[in-house]
PDB file of N, CA and C in Angstrom:
ATOM      1  N   GLU A   1     -24.470  15.900  31.260  1.00  0.00           N
ATOM      2  CA  GLU A   1     -23.655  16.659  30.333  1.00  0.00           C
ATOM      3  C   GLU A   1     -23.786  16.050  28.944  1.00  0.00           C
ATOM      4  N   VAL A   2     -24.015  16.902  27.948  1.00  0.00           N
ATOM      5  CA  VAL A   2     -24.164  16.450  26.573  1.00  0.00           C
ATOM      6  C   VAL A   2     -22.815  15.985  26.049  1.00  0.00           C
ATOM      7  N   GLN A   3     -22.820  14.817  25.433  1.00  0.00           N
ATOM      8  CA  GLN A   3     -21.587  14.277  24.885  1.00  0.00           C
ATOM      9  C   GLN A   3     -21.881  13.490  23.616  1.00  0.00           C
ATOM     10  N   LEU A   4     -21.059  13.700  22.594  1.00  0.00           N
ATOM     11  CA  LEU A   4     -21.104  12.929  21.366  1.00  0.00           C
ATOM     12  C   LEU A   4     -19.736  12.308  21.158  1.00  0.00           C
ATOM     13  N   VAL A   5     -19.719  11.026  20.860  1.00  0.00           N
ATOM     14  CA  VAL A   5     -18.466  10.312  20.675  1.00  0.00           C
ATOM     15  C   VAL A   5     -18.505   9.565  19.358  1.00  0.00           C
ATOM     16  N   GLU A   6     -17.572   9.908  18.460  1.00  0.00           N
ATOM     17  CA  GLU A   6     -17.445   9.219  17.180  1.00  0.00           C
ATOM     18  C   GLU A   6     -16.487   8.049  17.313  1.00  0.00           C
ATOM     19  N   SER A   7     -16.740   7.031  16.523  1.00  0.00           N
ATOM     20  CA  SER A   7     -15.842   5.892  16.458  1.00  0.00           C
ATOM     21  C   SER A   7     -15.978   5.236  15.094  1.00  0.00           C
ATOM     22  N   GLY A   8     -15.049   4.368  14.771  1.00  0.00           N
ATOM     23  CA  GLY A   8     -15.122   3.603  13.544  1.00  0.00           C
ATOM     24  C   GLY A   8     -14.176   4.044  12.452  1.00  0.00           C
ATOM     25  N   GLY A   9     -13.470   5.131  12.659  1.00  0.00           N
ATOM     26  CA  GLY A   9     -12.524   5.579  11.659  1.00  0.00           C
ATOM     27  C   GLY A   9     -11.319   4.671  11.591  1.00  0.00           C
ATOM     28  N   GLY A  10     -10.510   4.891  10.579  1.00  0.00           N
ATOM     29  CA  GLY A  10      -9.318   4.086  10.413  1.00  0.00           C
ATOM     30  C   GLY A  10      -8.719   4.266   9.041  1.00  0.00           C
ATOM     31  N   LEU A  11      -7.797   3.387   8.720  1.00  0.00           N
ATOM     32  CA  LEU A  11      -7.111   3.396   7.430  1.00  0.00           C
ATOM     33  C   LEU A  11      -7.690   2.302   6.554  1.00  0.00           C
ATOM     34  N   VAL A  12      -8.069   2.674   5.347  1.00  0.00           N
ATOM     35  CA  VAL A  12      -8.668   1.715   4.427  1.00  0.00           C
ATOM     36  C   VAL A  12      -8.190   2.021   3.011  1.00  0.00           C
ATOM     37  N   GLN A  13      -8.113   0.999   2.191  1.00  0.00           N
ATOM     38  CA  GLN A  13      -7.744   1.191   0.796  1.00  0.00           C
ATOM     39  C   GLN A  13      -8.915   1.718  -0.009  1.00  0.00           C
ATOM     40  N   ALA A  14      -8.601   2.420  -1.084  1.00  0.00           N
ATOM     41  CA  ALA A  14      -9.646   2.902  -1.974  1.00  0.00           C
ATOM     42  C   ALA A  14     -10.549   1.751  -2.406  1.00  0.00           C
ATOM     43  N   GLY A  15     -11.844   2.017  -2.393  1.00  0.00           N
ATOM     44  CA  GLY A  15     -12.817   0.991  -2.721  1.00  0.00           C
ATOM     45  C   GLY A  15     -13.337   0.240  -1.517  1.00  0.00           C
ATOM     46  N   GLY A  16     -12.710   0.426  -0.377  1.00  0.00           N
ATOM     47  CA  GLY A  16     -13.119  -0.252   0.831  1.00  0.00           C
ATOM     48  C   GLY A  16     -14.258   0.448   1.536  1.00  0.00           C
ATOM     49  N   SER A  17     -14.604  -0.082   2.708  1.00  0.00           N
ATOM     50  CA  SER A  17     -15.741   0.417   3.464  1.00  0.00           C
ATOM     51  C   SER A  17     -15.384   0.628   4.923  1.00  0.00           C
ATOM     52  N   LEU A  18     -16.084   1.562   5.536  1.00  0.00           N
ATOM     53  CA  LEU A  18     -16.017   1.799   6.966  1.00  0.00           C
ATOM     54  C   LEU A  18     -17.403   2.165   7.452  1.00  0.00           C
ATOM     55  N   ARG A  19     -17.674   1.897   8.712  1.00  0.00           N
ATOM     56  CA  ARG A  19     -18.905   2.355   9.329  1.00  0.00           C
ATOM     57  C   ARG A  19     -18.570   3.188  10.545  1.00  0.00           C
ATOM     58  N   LEU A  20     -18.975   4.440  10.504  1.00  0.00           N
ATOM     59  CA  LEU A  20     -18.773   5.340  11.623  1.00  0.00           C
ATOM     60  C   LEU A  20     -19.987   5.317  12.541  1.00  0.00           C
ATOM     61  N   SER A  21     -19.731   5.484  13.822  1.00  0.00           N
ATOM     62  CA  SER A  21     -20.796   5.555  14.807  1.00  0.00           C
ATOM     63  C   SER A  21     -20.688   6.848  15.585  1.00  0.00           C
ATOM     64  N   CYS A  22     -21.823   7.400  15.934  1.00  0.00           N
ATOM     65  CA  CYS A  22     -21.900   8.583  16.775  1.00  0.00           C
ATOM     66  C   CYS A  22     -22.837   8.258  17.921  1.00  0.00           C
ATOM     67  N   ALA A  23     -22.273   8.109  19.094  1.00  0.00           N
ATOM     68  CA  ALA A  23     -23.045   7.771  20.277  1.00  0.00           C
ATOM     69  C   ALA A  23     -23.262   9.009  21.127  1.00  0.00           C
ATOM     70  N   ALA A  24     -24.504   9.244  21.493  1.00  0.00           N
ATOM     71  CA  ALA A  24     -24.861  10.427  22.257  1.00  0.00           C
ATOM     72  C   ALA A  24     -25.240  10.065  23.682  1.00  0.00           C
ATOM     73  N   SER A  25     -24.929  10.948  24.587  1.00  0.00           N
ATOM     74  CA  SER A  25     -25.362  10.821  25.972  1.00  0.00           C
ATOM     75  C   SER A  25     -25.707  12.200  26.507  1.00  0.00           C
ATOM     76  N   GLY A  26     -26.539  12.226  27.517  1.00  0.00           N
ATOM     77  CA  GLY A  26     -26.935  13.489  28.110  1.00  0.00           C
ATOM     78  C   GLY A  26     -28.144  14.133  27.461  1.00  0.00           C
ATOM     79  N   PHE A  27     -28.597  13.599  26.357  1.00  0.00           N
ATOM     80  CA  PHE A  27     -29.796  14.068  25.679  1.00  0.00           C
ATOM     81  C   PHE A  27     -30.272  12.967  24.745  1.00  0.00           C
ATOM     82  N   THR A  28     -31.453  13.143  24.216  1.00  0.00           N
ATOM     83  CA  THR A  28     -32.004  12.172  23.283  1.00  0.00           C
ATOM     84  C   THR A  28     -31.999  12.730  21.869  1.00  0.00           C
ATOM     85  N   PHE A  29     -31.822  11.842  20.909  1.00  0.00           N
ATOM     86  CA  PHE A  29     -31.842  12.242  19.501  1.00  0.00           C
ATOM     87  C   PHE A  29     -33.204  12.739  19.054  1.00  0.00           C
ATOM     88  N   ASP A  30     -34.241  12.468  19.818  1.00  0.00           N
ATOM     89  CA  ASP A  30     -35.593  12.842  19.429  1.00  0.00           C
ATOM     90  C   ASP A  30     -35.734  14.331  19.158  1.00  0.00           C
ATOM     91  N   ASP A  31     -34.944  15.145  19.830  1.00  0.00           N
ATOM     92  CA  ASP A  31     -35.081  16.592  19.743  1.00  0.00           C
ATOM     93  C   ASP A  31     -34.123  17.239  18.749  1.00  0.00           C
ATOM     94  N   TYR A  32     -33.305  16.449  18.087  1.00  0.00           N
ATOM     95  CA  TYR A  32     -32.257  16.987  17.227  1.00  0.00           C
ATOM     96  C   TYR A  32     -32.164  16.236  15.912  1.00  0.00           C
ATOM     97  N   ALA A  33     -31.582  16.920  14.928  1.00  0.00           N
ATOM     98  CA  ALA A  33     -31.040  16.246  13.764  1.00  0.00           C
ATOM     99  C   ALA A  33     -29.570  15.969  14.039  1.00  0.00           C
ATOM    100  N   ILE A  34     -29.071  14.880  13.505  1.00  0.00           N
ATOM    101  CA  ILE A  34     -27.667  14.537  13.658  1.00  0.00           C
ATOM    102  C   ILE A  34     -26.993  14.655  12.302  1.00  0.00           C
ATOM    103  N   GLY A  35     -25.903  15.371  12.271  1.00  0.00           N
ATOM    104  CA  GLY A  35     -25.171  15.554  11.033  1.00  0.00           C
ATOM    105  C   GLY A  35     -23.753  15.041  11.129  1.00  0.00           C
ATOM    106  N   TRP A  36     -23.275  14.505  10.021  1.00  0.00           N
ATOM    107  CA  TRP A  36     -21.880  14.152   9.865  1.00  0.00           C
ATOM    108  C   TRP A  36     -21.201  15.215   9.022  1.00  0.00           C
ATOM    109  N   PHE A  37     -20.106  15.735   9.513  1.00  0.00           N
ATOM    110  CA  PHE A  37     -19.313  16.735   8.833  1.00  0.00           C
ATOM    111  C   PHE A  37     -17.883  16.230   8.749  1.00  0.00           C
ATOM    112  N   ARG A  38     -17.137  16.743   7.800  1.00  0.00           N
ATOM    113  CA  ARG A  38     -15.748  16.328   7.686  1.00  0.00           C
ATOM    114  C   ARG A  38     -14.867  17.516   7.344  1.00  0.00           C
ATOM    115  N   GLN A  39     -13.619  17.404   7.739  1.00  0.00           N
ATOM    116  CA  GLN A  39     -12.658  18.455   7.465  1.00  0.00           C
ATOM    117  C   GLN A  39     -11.320  17.832   7.098  1.00  0.00           C
ATOM    118  N   ALA A  40     -10.869  18.135   5.893  1.00  0.00           N
ATOM    119  CA  ALA A  40      -9.570  17.700   5.425  1.00  0.00           C
ATOM    120  C   ALA A  40      -8.555  18.806   5.691  1.00  0.00           C
ATOM    121  N   PRO A  41      -7.272  18.455   5.776  1.00  0.00           N
ATOM    122  CA  PRO A  41      -6.249  19.472   6.034  1.00  0.00           C
ATOM    123  C   PRO A  41      -6.311  20.614   5.026  1.00  0.00           C
ATOM    124  N   GLY A  42      -6.331  21.835   5.526  1.00  0.00           N
ATOM    125  CA  GLY A  42      -6.349  23.001   4.667  1.00  0.00           C
ATOM    126  C   GLY A  42      -7.682  23.319   4.025  1.00  0.00           C
ATOM    127  N   LYS A  43      -8.726  22.580   4.372  1.00  0.00           N
ATOM    128  CA  LYS A  43     -10.030  22.802   3.770  1.00  0.00           C
ATOM    129  C   LYS A  43     -11.078  23.130   4.830  1.00  0.00           C
ATOM    130  N   GLU A  44     -12.179  23.713   4.367  1.00  0.00           N
ATOM    131  CA  GLU A  44     -13.281  24.042   5.252  1.00  0.00           C
ATOM    132  C   GLU A  44     -14.037  22.788   5.660  1.00  0.00           C
ATOM    133  N   ARG A  45     -14.635  22.840   6.830  1.00  0.00           N
ATOM    134  CA  ARG A  45     -15.498  21.761   7.257  1.00  0.00           C
ATOM    135  C   ARG A  45     -16.748  21.746   6.384  1.00  0.00           C
ATOM    136  N   GLU A  46     -17.128  20.571   5.922  1.00  0.00           N
ATOM    137  CA  GLU A  46     -18.270  20.459   5.040  1.00  0.00           C
ATOM    138  C   GLU A  46     -19.264  19.422   5.547  1.00  0.00           C
ATOM    139  N   GLY A  47     -20.516  19.658   5.235  1.00  0.00           N
ATOM    140  CA  GLY A  47     -21.552  18.705   5.578  1.00  0.00           C
ATOM    141  C   GLY A  47     -21.488  17.495   4.667  1.00  0.00           C
ATOM    142  N   VAL A  48     -21.620  16.327   5.234  1.00  0.00           N
ATOM    143  CA  VAL A  48     -21.561  15.075   4.490  1.00  0.00           C
ATOM    144  C   VAL A  48     -22.935  14.426   4.399  1.00  0.00           C
ATOM    145  N   SER A  49     -23.552  14.208   5.541  1.00  0.00           N
ATOM    146  CA  SER A  49     -24.847  13.558   5.589  1.00  0.00           C
ATOM    147  C   SER A  49     -25.522  13.884   6.908  1.00  0.00           C
ATOM    148  N   CYS A  50     -26.842  14.001   6.872  1.00  0.00           N
ATOM    149  CA  CYS A  50     -27.597  14.341   8.068  1.00  0.00           C
ATOM    150  C   CYS A  50     -28.890  13.548   8.102  1.00  0.00           C
ATOM    151  N   ILE A  51     -29.406  13.371   9.305  1.00  0.00           N
ATOM    152  CA  ILE A  51     -30.662  12.656   9.470  1.00  0.00           C
ATOM    153  C   ILE A  51     -31.488  13.323  10.554  1.00  0.00           C
ATOM    154  N   SER A  52     -32.777  13.405  10.306  1.00  0.00           N
ATOM    155  CA  SER A  52     -33.710  13.945  11.276  1.00  0.00           C
ATOM    156  C   SER A  52     -34.297  12.809  12.096  1.00  0.00           C
ATOM    157  N   SER A  53     -34.140  12.898  13.401  1.00  0.00           N
ATOM    158  CA  SER A  53     -34.668  11.849  14.263  1.00  0.00           C
ATOM    159  C   SER A  53     -36.183  11.860  14.329  1.00  0.00           C
ATOM    160  N   SER A  54     -36.796  13.008  14.025  1.00  0.00           N
ATOM    161  CA  SER A  54     -38.238  13.130  14.138  1.00  0.00           C
ATOM    162  C   SER A  54     -38.981  12.431  13.009  1.00  0.00           C
ATOM    163  N   ASP A  55     -38.501  12.576  11.771  1.00  0.00           N
ATOM    164  CA  ASP A  55     -39.205  11.977  10.645  1.00  0.00           C
ATOM    165  C   ASP A  55     -38.337  11.068   9.782  1.00  0.00           C
ATOM    166  N   GLY A  56     -37.060  10.956  10.106  1.00  0.00           N
ATOM    167  CA  GLY A  56     -36.174  10.070   9.371  1.00  0.00           C
ATOM    168  C   GLY A  56     -35.674  10.604   8.052  1.00  0.00           C
ATOM    169  N   SER A  57     -35.979  11.840   7.734  1.00  0.00           N
ATOM    170  CA  SER A  57     -35.507  12.411   6.481  1.00  0.00           C
ATOM    171  C   SER A  57     -33.986  12.511   6.496  1.00  0.00           C
ATOM    172  N   THR A  58     -33.393  12.423   5.321  1.00  0.00           N
ATOM    173  CA  THR A  58     -31.939  12.403   5.208  1.00  0.00           C
ATOM    174  C   THR A  58     -31.446  13.385   4.165  1.00  0.00           C
ATOM    175  N   TYR A  59     -30.190  13.734   4.296  1.00  0.00           N
ATOM    176  CA  TYR A  59     -29.502  14.591   3.346  1.00  0.00           C
ATOM    177  C   TYR A  59     -28.141  13.985   3.052  1.00  0.00           C
ATOM    178  N   TYR A  60     -27.734  14.073   1.787  1.00  0.00           N
ATOM    179  CA  TYR A  60     -26.406  13.636   1.392  1.00  0.00           C
ATOM    180  C   TYR A  60     -25.767  14.681   0.501  1.00  0.00           C
ATOM    181  N   ALA A  61     -24.514  14.958   0.756  1.00  0.00           N
ATOM    182  CA  ALA A  61     -23.763  15.791  -0.159  1.00  0.00           C
ATOM    183  C   ALA A  61     -23.629  15.076  -1.495  1.00  0.00           C
ATOM    184  N   ASP A  62     -23.594  15.842  -2.574  1.00  0.00           N
ATOM    185  CA  ASP A  62     -23.503  15.238  -3.899  1.00  0.00           C
ATOM    186  C   ASP A  62     -22.289  14.317  -4.027  1.00  0.00           C
ATOM    187  N   SER A  63     -21.216  14.661  -3.362  1.00  0.00           N
ATOM    188  CA  SER A  63     -19.982  13.903  -3.485  1.00  0.00           C
ATOM    189  C   SER A  63     -20.060  12.503  -2.888  1.00  0.00           C
ATOM    190  N   VAL A  64     -21.060  12.251  -2.044  1.00  0.00           N
ATOM    191  CA  VAL A  64     -21.151  10.947  -1.387  1.00  0.00           C
ATOM    192  C   VAL A  64     -22.421  10.193  -1.722  1.00  0.00           C
ATOM    193  N   LYS A  65     -23.308  10.788  -2.495  1.00  0.00           N
ATOM    194  CA  LYS A  65     -24.556  10.125  -2.858  1.00  0.00           C
ATOM    195  C   LYS A  65     -24.280   8.810  -3.570  1.00  0.00           C
ATOM    196  N   GLY A  66     -25.005   7.792  -3.159  1.00  0.00           N
ATOM    197  CA  GLY A  66     -24.828   6.476  -3.740  1.00  0.00           C
ATOM    198  C   GLY A  66     -23.740   5.657  -3.101  1.00  0.00           C
ATOM    199  N   ARG A  67     -22.908   6.283  -2.285  1.00  0.00           N
ATOM    200  CA  ARG A  67     -21.810   5.583  -1.623  1.00  0.00           C
ATOM    201  C   ARG A  67     -21.975   5.515  -0.109  1.00  0.00           C
ATOM    202  N   PHE A  68     -22.525   6.567   0.471  1.00  0.00           N
ATOM    203  CA  PHE A  68     -22.694   6.637   1.926  1.00  0.00           C
ATOM    204  C   PHE A  68     -24.160   6.478   2.284  1.00  0.00           C
ATOM    205  N   THR A  69     -24.411   5.877   3.432  1.00  0.00           N
ATOM    206  CA  THR A  69     -25.762   5.730   3.941  1.00  0.00           C
ATOM    207  C   THR A  69     -25.789   6.087   5.420  1.00  0.00           C
ATOM    208  N   ILE A  70     -26.677   6.993   5.787  1.00  0.00           N
ATOM    209  CA  ILE A  70     -26.825   7.372   7.183  1.00  0.00           C
ATOM    210  C   ILE A  70     -28.043   6.669   7.764  1.00  0.00           C
ATOM    211  N   SER A  71     -27.940   6.262   9.005  1.00  0.00           N
ATOM    212  CA  SER A  71     -29.048   5.612   9.684  1.00  0.00           C
ATOM    213  C   SER A  71     -28.971   5.931  11.165  1.00  0.00           C
ATOM    214  N   SER A  72     -30.067   5.694  11.863  1.00  0.00           N
ATOM    215  CA  SER A  72     -30.100   5.985  13.287  1.00  0.00           C
ATOM    216  C   SER A  72     -30.796   4.875  14.049  1.00  0.00           C
ATOM    217  N   ASP A  73     -30.359   4.689  15.258  1.00  0.00           N
ATOM    218  CA  ASP A  73     -31.003   3.792  16.204  1.00  0.00           C
ATOM    219  C   ASP A  73     -31.358   4.660  17.399  1.00  0.00           C
ATOM    220  N   ASN A  74     -32.567   5.187  17.393  1.00  0.00           N
ATOM    221  CA  ASN A  74     -32.954   6.145  18.417  1.00  0.00           C
ATOM    222  C   ASN A  74     -32.965   5.533  19.816  1.00  0.00           C
ATOM    223  N   ALA A  75     -33.274   4.251  19.903  1.00  0.00           N
ATOM    224  CA  ALA A  75     -33.276   3.589  21.198  1.00  0.00           C
ATOM    225  C   ALA A  75     -31.890   3.578  21.823  1.00  0.00           C
ATOM    226  N   LYS A  76     -30.871   3.539  20.981  1.00  0.00           N
ATOM    227  CA  LYS A  76     -29.492   3.549  21.455  1.00  0.00           C
ATOM    228  C   LYS A  76     -28.860   4.929  21.401  1.00  0.00           C
ATOM    229  N   ASN A  77     -29.628   5.914  20.926  1.00  0.00           N
ATOM    230  CA  ASN A  77     -29.092   7.262  20.744  1.00  0.00           C
ATOM    231  C   ASN A  77     -27.793   7.233  19.938  1.00  0.00           C
ATOM    232  N   THR A  78     -27.835   6.491  18.850  1.00  0.00           N
ATOM    233  CA  THR A  78     -26.657   6.316  18.021  1.00  0.00           C
ATOM    234  C   THR A  78     -27.011   6.520  16.553  1.00  0.00           C
ATOM    235  N   VAL A  79     -26.140   7.214  15.845  1.00  0.00           N
ATOM    236  CA  VAL A  79     -26.271   7.413  14.410  1.00  0.00           C
ATOM    237  C   VAL A  79     -25.061   6.793  13.734  1.00  0.00           C
ATOM    238  N   TYR A  80     -25.306   6.157  12.601  1.00  0.00           N
ATOM    239  CA  TYR A  80     -24.253   5.480  11.862  1.00  0.00           C
ATOM    240  C   TYR A  80     -24.077   6.108  10.489  1.00  0.00           C
ATOM    241  N   LEU A  81     -22.876   6.026   9.990  1.00  0.00           N
ATOM    242  CA  LEU A  81     -22.589   6.429   8.624  1.00  0.00           C
ATOM    243  C   LEU A  81     -21.839   5.286   7.956  1.00  0.00           C
ATOM    244  N   GLN A  82     -22.541   4.561   7.107  1.00  0.00           N
ATOM    245  CA  GLN A  82     -21.932   3.489   6.345  1.00  0.00           C
ATOM    246  C   GLN A  82     -21.289   4.092   5.110  1.00  0.00           C
ATOM    247  N   MET A  83     -20.002   3.908   4.962  1.00  0.00           N
ATOM    248  CA  MET A  83     -19.248   4.499   3.868  1.00  0.00           C
ATOM    249  C   MET A  83     -18.693   3.378   3.001  1.00  0.00           C
ATOM    250  N   ASN A  84     -19.174   3.308   1.780  1.00  0.00           N
ATOM    251  CA  ASN A  84     -18.732   2.309   0.822  1.00  0.00           C
ATOM    252  C   ASN A  84     -18.015   2.981  -0.335  1.00  0.00           C
ATOM    253  N   SER A  85     -17.286   2.180  -1.088  1.00  0.00           N
ATOM    254  CA  SER A  85     -16.562   2.679  -2.263  1.00  0.00           C
ATOM    255  C   SER A  85     -15.756   3.920  -1.926  1.00  0.00           C
ATOM    256  N   LEU A  86     -15.018   3.843  -0.855  1.00  0.00           N
ATOM    257  CA  LEU A  86     -14.274   5.002  -0.382  1.00  0.00           C
ATOM    258  C   LEU A  86     -13.199   5.423  -1.369  1.00  0.00           C
ATOM    259  N   LYS A  87     -13.009   6.731  -1.446  1.00  0.00           N
ATOM    260  CA  LYS A  87     -12.029   7.339  -2.326  1.00  0.00           C
ATOM    261  C   LYS A  87     -11.012   8.111  -1.502  1.00  0.00           C
ATOM    262  N   PRO A  88      -9.813   8.319  -2.037  1.00  0.00           N
ATOM    263  CA  PRO A  88      -8.835   9.132  -1.313  1.00  0.00           C
ATOM    264  C   PRO A  88      -9.370  10.513  -0.945  1.00  0.00           C
ATOM    265  N   GLU A  89     -10.257  11.057  -1.763  1.00  0.00           N
ATOM    266  CA  GLU A  89     -10.843  12.360  -1.492  1.00  0.00           C
ATOM    267  C   GLU A  89     -11.718  12.365  -0.240  1.00  0.00           C
ATOM    268  N   ASP A  90     -12.087  11.196   0.252  1.00  0.00           N
ATOM    269  CA  ASP A  90     -12.875  11.099   1.473  1.00  0.00           C
ATOM    270  C   ASP A  90     -12.025  11.223   2.725  1.00  0.00           C
ATOM    271  N   THR A  91     -10.718  11.246   2.565  1.00  0.00           N
ATOM    272  CA  THR A  91      -9.823  11.353   3.713  1.00  0.00           C
ATOM    273  C   THR A  91     -10.071  12.660   4.459  1.00  0.00           C
ATOM    274  N   ALA A  92     -10.358  12.552   5.737  1.00  0.00           N
ATOM    275  CA  ALA A  92     -10.674  13.722   6.550  1.00  0.00           C
ATOM    276  C   ALA A  92     -10.918  13.263   7.982  1.00  0.00           C
ATOM    277  N   VAL A  93     -11.022  14.234   8.868  1.00  0.00           N
ATOM    278  CA  VAL A  93     -11.549  13.971  10.196  1.00  0.00           C
ATOM    279  C   VAL A  93     -13.059  14.139  10.118  1.00  0.00           C
ATOM    280  N   TYR A  94     -13.780  13.141  10.563  1.00  0.00           N
ATOM    281  CA  TYR A  94     -15.227  13.155  10.515  1.00  0.00           C
ATOM    282  C   TYR A  94     -15.785  13.471  11.896  1.00  0.00           C
ATOM    283  N   TYR A  95     -16.704  14.423  11.936  1.00  0.00           N
ATOM    284  CA  TYR A  95     -17.335  14.859  13.169  1.00  0.00           C
ATOM    285  C   TYR A  95     -18.840  14.657  13.081  1.00  0.00           C
ATOM    286  N   CYS A  96     -19.454  14.321  14.190  1.00  0.00           N
ATOM    287  CA  CYS A  96     -20.901  14.356  14.247  1.00  0.00           C
ATOM    288  C   CYS A  96     -21.337  15.497  15.147  1.00  0.00           C
ATOM    289  N   ALA A  97     -22.510  16.018  14.859  1.00  0.00           N
ATOM    290  CA  ALA A  97     -23.045  17.139  15.610  1.00  0.00           C
ATOM    291  C   ALA A  97     -24.547  16.999  15.751  1.00  0.00           C
ATOM    292  N   ALA A  98     -25.055  17.417  16.884  1.00  0.00           N
ATOM    293  CA  ALA A  98     -26.491  17.484  17.113  1.00  0.00           C
ATOM    294  C   ALA A  98     -26.946  18.897  16.805  1.00  0.00           C
ATOM    295  N   THR A  99     -27.845  19.027  15.847  1.00  0.00           N
ATOM    296  CA  THR A  99     -28.286  20.339  15.393  1.00  0.00           C
ATOM    297  C   THR A  99     -29.790  20.487  15.546  1.00  0.00           C
ATOM    298  N   LEU A 100     -30.226  21.717  15.787  1.00  0.00           N
ATOM    299  CA  LEU A 100     -31.650  21.986  15.892  1.00  0.00           C
ATOM    300  C   LEU A 100     -32.316  22.025  14.530  1.00  0.00           C
ATOM    301  N   LEU A 101     -31.583  22.448  13.516  1.00  0.00           N
ATOM    302  CA  LEU A 101     -32.067  22.465  12.151  1.00  0.00           C
ATOM    303  C   LEU A 101     -31.246  21.504  11.311  1.00  0.00           C
ATOM    304  N   MET A 102     -31.906  20.895  10.343  1.00  0.00           N
ATOM    305  CA  MET A 102     -31.288  19.885   9.516  1.00  0.00           C
ATOM    306  C   MET A 102     -30.017  20.392   8.840  1.00  0.00           C
ATOM    307  N   CYS A 103     -28.905  19.703   9.091  1.00  0.00           N
ATOM    308  CA  CYS A 103     -27.620  19.998   8.451  1.00  0.00           C
ATOM    309  C   CYS A 103     -27.195  21.452   8.583  1.00  0.00           C
ATOM    310  N   SER A 104     -27.524  22.051   9.699  1.00  0.00           N
ATOM    311  CA  SER A 104     -27.156  23.437   9.955  1.00  0.00           C
ATOM    312  C   SER A 104     -26.130  23.494  11.082  1.00  0.00           C
ATOM    313  N   PRO A 105     -24.849  23.602  10.739  1.00  0.00           N
ATOM    314  CA  PRO A 105     -23.841  23.631  11.805  1.00  0.00           C
ATOM    315  C   PRO A 105     -23.979  24.833  12.720  1.00  0.00           C
ATOM    316  N   GLN A 106     -24.615  25.902  12.224  1.00  0.00           N
ATOM    317  CA  GLN A 106     -24.812  27.088  13.052  1.00  0.00           C
ATOM    318  C   GLN A 106     -25.717  26.814  14.240  1.00  0.00           C
ATOM    319  N   THR A 107     -26.546  25.781  14.149  1.00  0.00           N
ATOM    320  CA  THR A 107     -27.470  25.445  15.226  1.00  0.00           C
ATOM    321  C   THR A 107     -27.007  24.235  16.026  1.00  0.00           C
ATOM    322  N   ALA A 108     -25.746  23.846  15.866  1.00  0.00           N
ATOM    323  CA  ALA A 108     -25.223  22.700  16.588  1.00  0.00           C
ATOM    324  C   ALA A 108     -25.113  23.001  18.072  1.00  0.00           C
ATOM    325  N   GLY A 109     -25.642  22.113  18.872  1.00  0.00           N
ATOM    326  CA  GLY A 109     -25.521  22.253  20.311  1.00  0.00           C
ATOM    327  C   GLY A 109     -24.343  21.493  20.877  1.00  0.00           C
ATOM    328  N   SER A 110     -23.842  20.554  20.110  1.00  0.00           N
ATOM    329  CA  SER A 110     -22.746  19.729  20.584  1.00  0.00           C
ATOM    330  C   SER A 110     -22.006  19.116  19.406  1.00  0.00           C
ATOM    331  N   TRP A 111     -20.715  18.985  19.539  1.00  0.00           N
ATOM    332  CA  TRP A 111     -19.852  18.342  18.551  1.00  0.00           C
ATOM    333  C   TRP A 111     -19.057  17.228  19.209  1.00  0.00           C
ATOM    334  N   GLY A 112     -18.801  16.189  18.439  1.00  0.00           N
ATOM    335  CA  GLY A 112     -17.903  15.155  18.904  1.00  0.00           C
ATOM    336  C   GLY A 112     -16.460  15.563  18.698  1.00  0.00           C
ATOM    337  N   GLN A 113     -15.552  14.722  19.156  1.00  0.00           N
ATOM    338  CA  GLN A 113     -14.126  14.996  19.037  1.00  0.00           C
ATOM    339  C   GLN A 113     -13.567  14.673  17.658  1.00  0.00           C
ATOM    340  N   GLY A 114     -14.281  13.893  16.892  1.00  0.00           N
ATOM    341  CA  GLY A 114     -13.863  13.543  15.554  1.00  0.00           C
ATOM    342  C   GLY A 114     -13.177  12.193  15.492  1.00  0.00           C
ATOM    343  N   THR A 115     -13.271  11.565  14.334  1.00  0.00           N
ATOM    344  CA  THR A 115     -12.583  10.314  14.084  1.00  0.00           C
ATOM    345  C   THR A 115     -11.922  10.389  12.717  1.00  0.00           C
ATOM    346  N   GLN A 116     -10.671   9.969  12.652  1.00  0.00           N
ATOM    347  CA  GLN A 116      -9.892  10.090  11.423  1.00  0.00           C
ATOM    348  C   GLN A 116     -10.226   8.971  10.452  1.00  0.00           C
ATOM    349  N   VAL A 117     -10.511   9.361   9.215  1.00  0.00           N
ATOM    350  CA  VAL A 117     -10.693   8.416   8.123  1.00  0.00           C
ATOM    351  C   VAL A 117      -9.616   8.692   7.094  1.00  0.00           C
ATOM    352  N   THR A 118      -8.821   7.690   6.795  1.00  0.00           N
ATOM    353  CA  THR A 118      -7.764   7.826   5.813  1.00  0.00           C
ATOM    354  C   THR A 118      -7.945   6.758   4.743  1.00  0.00           C
ATOM    355  N   VAL A 119      -8.045   7.198   3.501  1.00  0.00           N
ATOM    356  CA  VAL A 119      -8.243   6.290   2.377  1.00  0.00           C
ATOM    357  C   VAL A 119      -7.004   6.354   1.497  1.00  0.00           C
ATOM    358  N   SER A 120      -6.332   5.248   1.353  1.00  0.00           N
ATOM    359  CA  SER A 120      -5.120   5.192   0.553  1.00  0.00           C
ATOM    360  C   SER A 120      -5.454   4.810  -0.880  1.00  0.00           C
ATOM    361  N   SER A 121      -4.659   5.314  -1.808  1.00  0.00           N
ATOM    362  CA  SER A 121      -4.867   5.034  -3.214  1.00  0.00           C
ATOM    363  C   SER A 121      -4.105   3.799  -3.652  1.00  0.00           C
TER     364      SER A 121
END
């Protein structure tokens, strides 16, 4: 059974850092791109960062460029999102998804349960 599990969220002060992990089971990252998405209360879910397991190409939303870094460990079927210089605007539930097309939630085959990130001012 395909499963994605996010971890690493928590409460942090503005300017701090967190590292999120997305661990996959039931399939290999080789066949998918992995995307991080987030949803704040009252707002639409938005793409944050994505990585292609096949060629390592990455995508970052303009709002997180220079602050967030996505990486993957294909041997562990795990994708990480290093978040630095966090801002209150980053507060959201963060989800990872396995997608057939890069950063395309419409092609997601699986979603994690989400992990809460709260950044205090």
